[in-house]
C-alpha atoms as a PDB file:
ATOM      1  CA  MET A   1      15.776 -61.969 -23.283  1.00  0.00           C
ATOM      2  CA  SER A   2      19.249 -61.903 -21.757  1.00  0.00           C
ATOM      3  CA  GLU A   3      21.667 -58.989 -21.537  1.00  0.00           C
ATOM      4  CA  LYS A   4      23.988 -60.892 -23.875  1.00  0.00           C
ATOM      5  CA  ALA A   5      21.225 -61.114 -26.498  1.00  0.00           C
ATOM      6  CA  HIS A   6      20.657 -57.356 -26.281  1.00  0.00           C
ATOM      7  CA  LEU A   7      24.351 -56.755 -26.930  1.00  0.00           C
ATOM      8  CA  ILE A   8      24.298 -59.119 -29.917  1.00  0.00           C
ATOM      9  CA  PHE A   9      21.488 -57.054 -31.463  1.00  0.00           C
ATOM     10  CA  LEU A  10      23.482 -53.863 -30.991  1.00  0.00           C
ATOM     11  CA  LYS A  11      26.582 -55.354 -32.587  1.00  0.00           C
ATOM     12  CA  GLN A  12      24.561 -56.176 -35.712  1.00  0.00           C
ATOM     13  CA  GLY A  13      24.656 -52.460 -36.502  1.00  0.00           C
ATOM     14  CA  VAL A  14      22.653 -49.322 -35.807  1.00  0.00           C
ATOM     15  CA  THR A  15      20.056 -49.947 -38.532  1.00  0.00           C
ATOM     16  CA  ALA A  16      19.223 -53.439 -37.252  1.00  0.00           C
ATOM     17  CA  TRP A  17      19.271 -52.214 -33.650  1.00  0.00           C
ATOM     18  CA  ASN A  18      16.908 -49.319 -34.329  1.00  0.00           C
ATOM     19  CA  GLN A  19      14.496 -51.631 -36.169  1.00  0.00           C
ATOM     20  CA  TRP A  20      14.575 -54.046 -33.247  1.00  0.00           C
ATOM     21  CA  ARG A  21      13.851 -51.171 -30.847  1.00  0.00           C
ATOM     22  CA  PHE A  22      10.967 -50.087 -33.080  1.00  0.00           C
ATOM     23  CA  ASN A  23       9.527 -53.610 -32.941  1.00  0.00           C
ATOM     24  CA  GLN A  24      10.003 -53.808 -29.151  1.00  0.00           C
ATOM     25  CA  PRO A  25       8.771 -50.370 -27.979  1.00  0.00           C
ATOM     26  CA  HIS A  26       8.156 -51.409 -24.369  1.00  0.00           C
ATOM     27  CA  LEU A  27      11.449 -53.224 -23.835  1.00  0.00           C
ATOM     28  CA  ARG A  28      14.221 -51.489 -21.902  1.00  0.00           C
ATOM     29  CA  PRO A  29      17.455 -53.087 -23.122  1.00  0.00           C
ATOM     30  CA  ASP A  30      20.092 -53.985 -20.548  1.00  0.00           C
ATOM     31  CA  LEU A  31      23.629 -53.253 -21.734  1.00  0.00           C
ATOM     32  CA  SER A  32      25.106 -52.776 -18.285  1.00  0.00           C
ATOM     33  CA  SER A  33      28.870 -53.387 -18.142  1.00  0.00           C
ATOM     34  CA  ALA A  34      28.976 -53.844 -21.935  1.00  0.00           C
ATOM     35  CA  PHE A  35      32.346 -53.356 -23.637  1.00  0.00           C
ATOM     36  CA  LEU A  36      31.687 -50.817 -26.405  1.00  0.00           C
ATOM     37  CA  LYS A  37      35.002 -49.025 -26.629  1.00  0.00           C
ATOM     38  CA  LEU A  38      35.463 -47.346 -30.041  1.00  0.00           C
ATOM     39  CA  ALA A  39      31.986 -48.539 -31.094  1.00  0.00           C
ATOM     40  CA  ASP A  40      30.236 -46.708 -33.947  1.00  0.00           C
ATOM     41  CA  LEU A  41      26.789 -45.965 -32.517  1.00  0.00           C
ATOM     42  CA  ARG A  42      25.966 -42.864 -34.529  1.00  0.00           C
ATOM     43  CA  GLY A  43      22.218 -42.283 -34.669  1.00  0.00           C
ATOM     44  CA  ALA A  44      21.384 -45.239 -32.409  1.00  0.00           C
ATOM     45  CA  ASN A  45      18.162 -45.269 -30.407  1.00  0.00           C
ATOM     46  CA  LEU A  46      19.471 -45.725 -26.874  1.00  0.00           C
ATOM     47  CA  LYS A  47      16.463 -44.230 -25.089  1.00  0.00           C
ATOM     48  CA  LYS A  48      16.077 -45.549 -21.546  1.00  0.00           C
ATOM     49  CA  VAL A  49      18.778 -48.198 -22.103  1.00  0.00           C
ATOM     50  CA  ASN A  50      20.679 -49.447 -19.053  1.00  0.00           C
ATOM     51  CA  LEU A  51      24.334 -48.681 -19.822  1.00  0.00           C
ATOM     52  CA  SER A  52      25.512 -48.460 -16.241  1.00  0.00           C
ATOM     53  CA  MET A  53      29.184 -49.408 -15.834  1.00  0.00           C
ATOM     54  CA  ALA A  54      29.510 -49.762 -19.627  1.00  0.00           C
ATOM     55  CA  ASP A  55      32.783 -48.943 -21.392  1.00  0.00           C
ATOM     56  CA  LEU A  56      31.960 -46.415 -24.117  1.00  0.00           C
ATOM     57  CA  SER A  57      35.359 -44.779 -24.179  1.00  0.00           C
ATOM     58  CA  GLU A  58      36.182 -43.205 -27.548  1.00  0.00           C
ATOM     59  CA  ALA A  59      32.829 -44.407 -28.921  1.00  0.00           C
ATOM     60  CA  ASP A  60      31.095 -42.440 -31.686  1.00  0.00           C
ATOM     61  CA  LEU A  61      27.719 -41.417 -30.263  1.00  0.00           C
ATOM     62  CA  ASN A  62      27.183 -38.355 -32.435  1.00  0.00           C
ATOM     63  CA  VAL A  63      23.499 -37.486 -33.001  1.00  0.00           C
ATOM     64  CA  THR A  64      22.477 -40.381 -30.744  1.00  0.00           C
ATOM     65  CA  ASP A  65      19.312 -40.430 -28.617  1.00  0.00           C
ATOM     66  CA  LEU A  66      20.153 -41.315 -25.011  1.00  0.00           C
ATOM     67  CA  THR A  67      17.044 -39.779 -23.448  1.00  0.00           C
ATOM     68  CA  GLY A  68      16.484 -41.241 -19.994  1.00  0.00           C
ATOM     69  CA  ALA A  69      19.366 -43.713 -20.330  1.00  0.00           C
ATOM     70  CA  ASN A  70      21.160 -44.981 -17.223  1.00  0.00           C
ATOM     71  CA  LEU A  71      24.902 -44.392 -17.575  1.00  0.00           C
ATOM     72  CA  THR A  72      25.784 -44.514 -13.894  1.00  0.00           C
ATOM     73  CA  LYS A  73      29.553 -45.018 -13.493  1.00  0.00           C
ATOM     74  CA  ALA A  74      29.935 -45.551 -17.250  1.00  0.00           C
ATOM     75  CA  ASN A  75      33.251 -44.813 -18.968  1.00  0.00           C
ATOM     76  CA  LEU A  76      32.746 -42.223 -21.725  1.00  0.00           C
ATOM     77  CA  THR A  77      36.306 -40.929 -21.841  1.00  0.00           C
ATOM     78  CA  LYS A  78      36.943 -39.175 -25.172  1.00  0.00           C
ATOM     79  CA  ALA A  79      33.517 -40.255 -26.456  1.00  0.00           C
ATOM     80  CA  LYS A  80      31.974 -38.217 -29.276  1.00  0.00           C
ATOM     81  CA  LEU A  81      28.474 -36.974 -28.438  1.00  0.00           C
ATOM     82  CA  TYR A  82      28.105 -34.015 -30.769  1.00  0.00           C
ATOM     83  CA  HIS A  83      24.486 -32.844 -31.007  1.00  0.00           C
ATOM     84  CA  SER A  84      23.277 -35.891 -29.057  1.00  0.00           C
ATOM     85  CA  THR A  85      20.123 -35.971 -26.946  1.00  0.00           C
ATOM     86  CA  LEU A  86      20.735 -36.823 -23.293  1.00  0.00           C
ATOM     87  CA  ARG A  87      17.660 -35.323 -21.645  1.00  0.00           C
ATOM     88  CA  LEU A  88      16.870 -36.869 -18.250  1.00  0.00           C
ATOM     89  CA  VAL A  89      20.001 -39.023 -18.553  1.00  0.00           C
ATOM     90  CA  ILE A  90      21.599 -40.522 -15.443  1.00  0.00           C
ATOM     91  CA  LEU A  91      25.364 -39.997 -15.481  1.00  0.00           C
ATOM     92  CA  ARG A  92      26.083 -40.212 -11.771  1.00  0.00           C
ATOM     93  CA  GLU A  93      29.823 -40.742 -11.171  1.00  0.00           C
ATOM     94  CA  ALA A  94      30.344 -41.325 -14.899  1.00  0.00           C
ATOM     95  CA  ASN A  95      33.691 -40.529 -16.522  1.00  0.00           C
ATOM     96  CA  LEU A  96      33.249 -38.081 -19.403  1.00  0.00           C
ATOM     97  CA  SER A  97      36.729 -36.617 -19.339  1.00  0.00           C
ATOM     98  CA  GLN A  98      37.771 -35.153 -22.698  1.00  0.00           C
ATOM     99  CA  ALA A  99      34.433 -36.158 -24.242  1.00  0.00           C
ATOM    100  CA  ILE A 100      32.894 -33.991 -26.971  1.00  0.00           C
ATOM    101  CA  LEU A 101      29.356 -32.856 -26.134  1.00  0.00           C
ATOM    102  CA  ILE A 102      29.151 -29.765 -28.336  1.00  0.00           C
ATOM    103  CA  GLN A 103      25.486 -28.689 -28.659  1.00  0.00           C
ATOM    104  CA  GLY A 104      24.404 -31.744 -26.690  1.00  0.00           C
ATOM    105  CA  ASN A 105      21.081 -31.642 -24.855  1.00  0.00           C
ATOM    106  CA  LEU A 106      21.561 -32.699 -21.228  1.00  0.00           C
ATOM    107  CA  ALA A 107      18.598 -30.801 -19.803  1.00  0.00           C
ATOM    108  CA  ASN A 108      17.361 -32.212 -16.476  1.00  0.00           C
ATOM    109  CA  GLY A 109      20.178 -34.770 -16.491  1.00  0.00           C
ATOM    110  CA  ASP A 110      21.761 -36.172 -13.329  1.00  0.00           C
ATOM    111  CA  LEU A 111      25.540 -35.737 -13.515  1.00  0.00           C
ATOM    112  CA  THR A 112      26.185 -35.810  -9.788  1.00  0.00           C
ATOM    113  CA  GLN A 113      29.912 -36.281  -9.087  1.00  0.00           C
ATOM    114  CA  ALA A 114      30.617 -36.944 -12.767  1.00  0.00           C
ATOM    115  CA  ASN A 115      34.142 -36.473 -14.138  1.00  0.00           C
ATOM    116  CA  LEU A 116      33.979 -33.817 -16.866  1.00  0.00           C
ATOM    117  CA  THR A 117      37.579 -32.649 -16.848  1.00  0.00           C
ATOM    118  CA  LEU A 118      38.574 -31.046 -20.155  1.00  0.00           C
ATOM    119  CA  THR A 119      35.169 -31.989 -21.602  1.00  0.00           C
ATOM    120  CA  ASN A 120      33.857 -29.893 -24.491  1.00  0.00           C
ATOM    121  CA  LEU A 121      30.327 -28.757 -23.602  1.00  0.00           C
ATOM    122  CA  SER A 122      30.324 -25.689 -25.810  1.00  0.00           C
ATOM    123  CA  LYS A 123      26.756 -24.514 -26.526  1.00  0.00           C
ATOM    124  CA  ALA A 124      25.350 -27.546 -24.689  1.00  0.00           C
ATOM    125  CA  ASN A 125      21.980 -27.393 -22.944  1.00  0.00           C
ATOM    126  CA  LEU A 126      22.448 -28.213 -19.259  1.00  0.00           C
ATOM    127  CA  SER A 127      19.417 -26.334 -17.998  1.00  0.00           C
ATOM    128  CA  MET A 128      18.109 -27.728 -14.713  1.00  0.00           C
ATOM    129  CA  ALA A 129      20.760 -30.471 -14.755  1.00  0.00           C
ATOM    130  CA  ASN A 130      22.306 -31.705 -11.500  1.00  0.00           C
ATOM    131  CA  LEU A 131      26.084 -31.273 -11.573  1.00  0.00           C
ATOM    132  CA  SER A 132      26.591 -31.114  -7.832  1.00  0.00           C
ATOM    133  CA  GLY A 133      30.066 -32.265  -6.872  1.00  0.00           C
ATOM    134  CA  ALA A 134      31.034 -32.725 -10.519  1.00  0.00           C
ATOM    135  CA  ASN A 135      34.614 -32.186 -11.678  1.00  0.00           C
ATOM    136  CA  LEU A 136      34.534 -29.705 -14.581  1.00  0.00           C
ATOM    137  CA  ARG A 137      38.123 -28.566 -14.332  1.00  0.00           C
ATOM    138  CA  GLY A 138      39.267 -27.081 -17.637  1.00  0.00           C
ATOM    139  CA  ALA A 139      35.927 -27.868 -19.294  1.00  0.00           C
ATOM    140  CA  ASN A 140      34.702 -25.798 -22.238  1.00  0.00           C
ATOM    141  CA  LEU A 141      31.269 -24.452 -21.294  1.00  0.00           C
ATOM    142  CA  SER A 142      31.359 -21.435 -23.586  1.00  0.00           C
ATOM    143  CA  GLY A 143      27.876 -20.444 -24.686  1.00  0.00           C
ATOM    144  CA  ALA A 144      26.343 -23.275 -22.647  1.00  0.00           C
ATOM    145  CA  ASN A 145      22.863 -23.050 -21.145  1.00  0.00           C
ATOM    146  CA  LEU A 146      23.288 -23.636 -17.407  1.00  0.00           C
ATOM    147  CA  CYS A 147      20.063 -21.926 -16.387  1.00  0.00           C
ATOM    148  CA  GLN A 148      18.827 -23.247 -13.013  1.00  0.00           C
ATOM    149  CA  CYS A 149      21.631 -25.816 -13.066  1.00  0.00           C
ATOM    150  CA  ASN A 150      22.800 -27.305  -9.756  1.00  0.00           C
ATOM    151  CA  LEU A 151      26.566 -26.764  -9.571  1.00  0.00           C
ATOM    152  CA  GLU A 152      26.827 -26.943  -5.798  1.00  0.00           C
ATOM    153  CA  SER A 153      30.402 -27.782  -4.732  1.00  0.00           C
ATOM    154  CA  ALA A 154      31.408 -28.370  -8.359  1.00  0.00           C
ATOM    155  CA  ASN A 155      35.035 -27.989  -9.447  1.00  0.00           C
ATOM    156  CA  LEU A 156      35.074 -25.373 -12.220  1.00  0.00           C
ATOM    157  CA  ARG A 157      38.711 -24.382 -11.934  1.00  0.00           C
ATOM    158  CA  GLU A 158      40.089 -23.102 -15.252  1.00  0.00           C
ATOM    159  CA  ALA A 159      36.741 -23.762 -16.953  1.00  0.00           C
ATOM    160  CA  ASP A 160      35.676 -21.608 -19.908  1.00  0.00           C
ATOM    161  CA  LEU A 161      32.257 -20.124 -19.104  1.00  0.00           C
ATOM    162  CA  THR A 162      32.423 -17.357 -21.690  1.00  0.00           C
ATOM    163  CA  ARG A 163      28.891 -16.236 -22.594  1.00  0.00           C
ATOM    164  CA  ALA A 164      27.412 -19.069 -20.516  1.00  0.00           C
ATOM    165  CA  ASP A 165      23.879 -18.614 -19.172  1.00  0.00           C
ATOM    166  CA  LEU A 166      24.061 -19.210 -15.413  1.00  0.00           C
ATOM    167  CA  THR A 167      20.748 -17.549 -14.614  1.00  0.00           C
ATOM    168  CA  ARG A 168      19.423 -18.864 -11.274  1.00  0.00           C
ATOM    169  CA  ALA A 169      22.170 -21.498 -11.200  1.00  0.00           C
ATOM    170  CA  ASP A 170      23.262 -22.834  -7.809  1.00  0.00           C
ATOM    171  CA  LEU A 171      27.009 -22.258  -7.547  1.00  0.00           C
ATOM    172  CA  SER A 172      27.152 -22.443  -3.764  1.00  0.00           C
ATOM    173  CA  GLY A 173      30.469 -23.867  -2.636  1.00  0.00           C
ATOM    174  CA  ALA A 174      31.708 -24.183  -6.221  1.00  0.00           C
ATOM    175  CA  ASP A 175      35.338 -23.450  -7.138  1.00  0.00           C
ATOM    176  CA  LEU A 176      35.718 -21.030 -10.073  1.00  0.00           C
ATOM    177  CA  THR A 177      39.409 -20.288  -9.545  1.00  0.00           C
ATOM    178  CA  ASP A 178      40.985 -19.114 -12.822  1.00  0.00           C
ATOM    179  CA  ALA A 179      37.726 -19.746 -14.705  1.00  0.00           C
ATOM    180  CA  SER A 180      36.664 -17.428 -17.519  1.00  0.00           C
ATOM    181  CA  LEU A 181      33.321 -15.713 -16.882  1.00  0.00           C
ATOM    182  CA  SER A 182      33.577 -13.166 -19.681  1.00  0.00           C
ATOM    183  CA  LYS A 183      30.065 -12.051 -20.687  1.00  0.00           C
ATOM    184  CA  ALA A 184      28.520 -14.874 -18.617  1.00  0.00           C
ATOM    185  CA  ASP A 185      25.034 -14.199 -17.210  1.00  0.00           C
ATOM    186  CA  LEU A 186      24.945 -14.760 -13.440  1.00  0.00           C
ATOM    187  CA  THR A 187      21.565 -13.122 -12.851  1.00  0.00           C
ATOM    188  CA  LYS A 188      20.056 -14.395  -9.581  1.00  0.00           C
ATOM    189  CA  ALA A 189      22.691 -17.153  -9.334  1.00  0.00           C
ATOM    190  CA  ASN A 190      23.453 -18.505  -5.857  1.00  0.00           C
ATOM    191  CA  LEU A 191      27.079 -17.602  -5.144  1.00  0.00           C
ATOM    192  CA  GLN A 192      27.071 -18.350  -1.426  1.00  0.00           C
ATOM    193  CA  GLY A 193      30.531 -19.632  -0.519  1.00  0.00           C
ATOM    194  CA  THR A 194      31.621 -19.679  -4.165  1.00  0.00           C
ATOM    195  CA  ARG A 195      35.332 -19.253  -4.844  1.00  0.00           C
ATOM    196  CA  MET A 196      35.517 -16.688  -7.639  1.00  0.00           C
ATOM    197  CA  PRO A 197      38.060 -16.608 -10.531  1.00  0.00           C
ATOM    198  CA  ASP A 198      40.377 -14.307  -8.574  1.00  0.00           C
ATOM    199  CA  GLY A 199      40.457 -16.817  -5.708  1.00  0.00           C
ATOM    200  CA  ARG A 200      38.305 -14.750  -3.366  1.00  0.00           C
ATOM    201  CA  LEU A 201      35.429 -16.361  -1.509  1.00  0.00           C
ATOM    202  CA  HIS A 202      32.015 -14.852  -2.291  1.00  0.00           C
ATOM    203  CA  GLY A 203      29.495 -14.262   0.457  1.00  0.00           C
END
């Protein structure tokens, strides 16, 4: 079945799409480069779907299952992903600027060099995720679980990390200038070469 046919199924609506996925449990749909701007995909089963290079800007993906999906270089600017499941997701070099990921589950996800500027990740689960080289400038990470997260060389300038769990996180080479770390847990975090909120270099 062609990529175009997969997209046609999706555009029939979430109910029809989920039924089709149920009937085709071993199929991994290919929606790469699909134009889905402003699409209503609430509750869609997008597990392991190839959405690389797709345009999902301003799409409604609230409570959507994207476990193991490939979103490499996808455009998710201002997308709504409240309480969505993104475990093991691949978001390498994806644009998630100003997206809403409140209480999203991104555990073990690959967000290497992703653009997360001004993204709302409040209370999100990013445990063991790879955010190396990611741009999180001005992001809201208050109450987020960043335990054992790889934030090596990440840009966290002006980010809100209030009450964030950074236990055993790798922050080596990260920039935390003007970030808020109020009540954040940095137990056993790697701060080698980290630029702290006051601008001083740690280690």
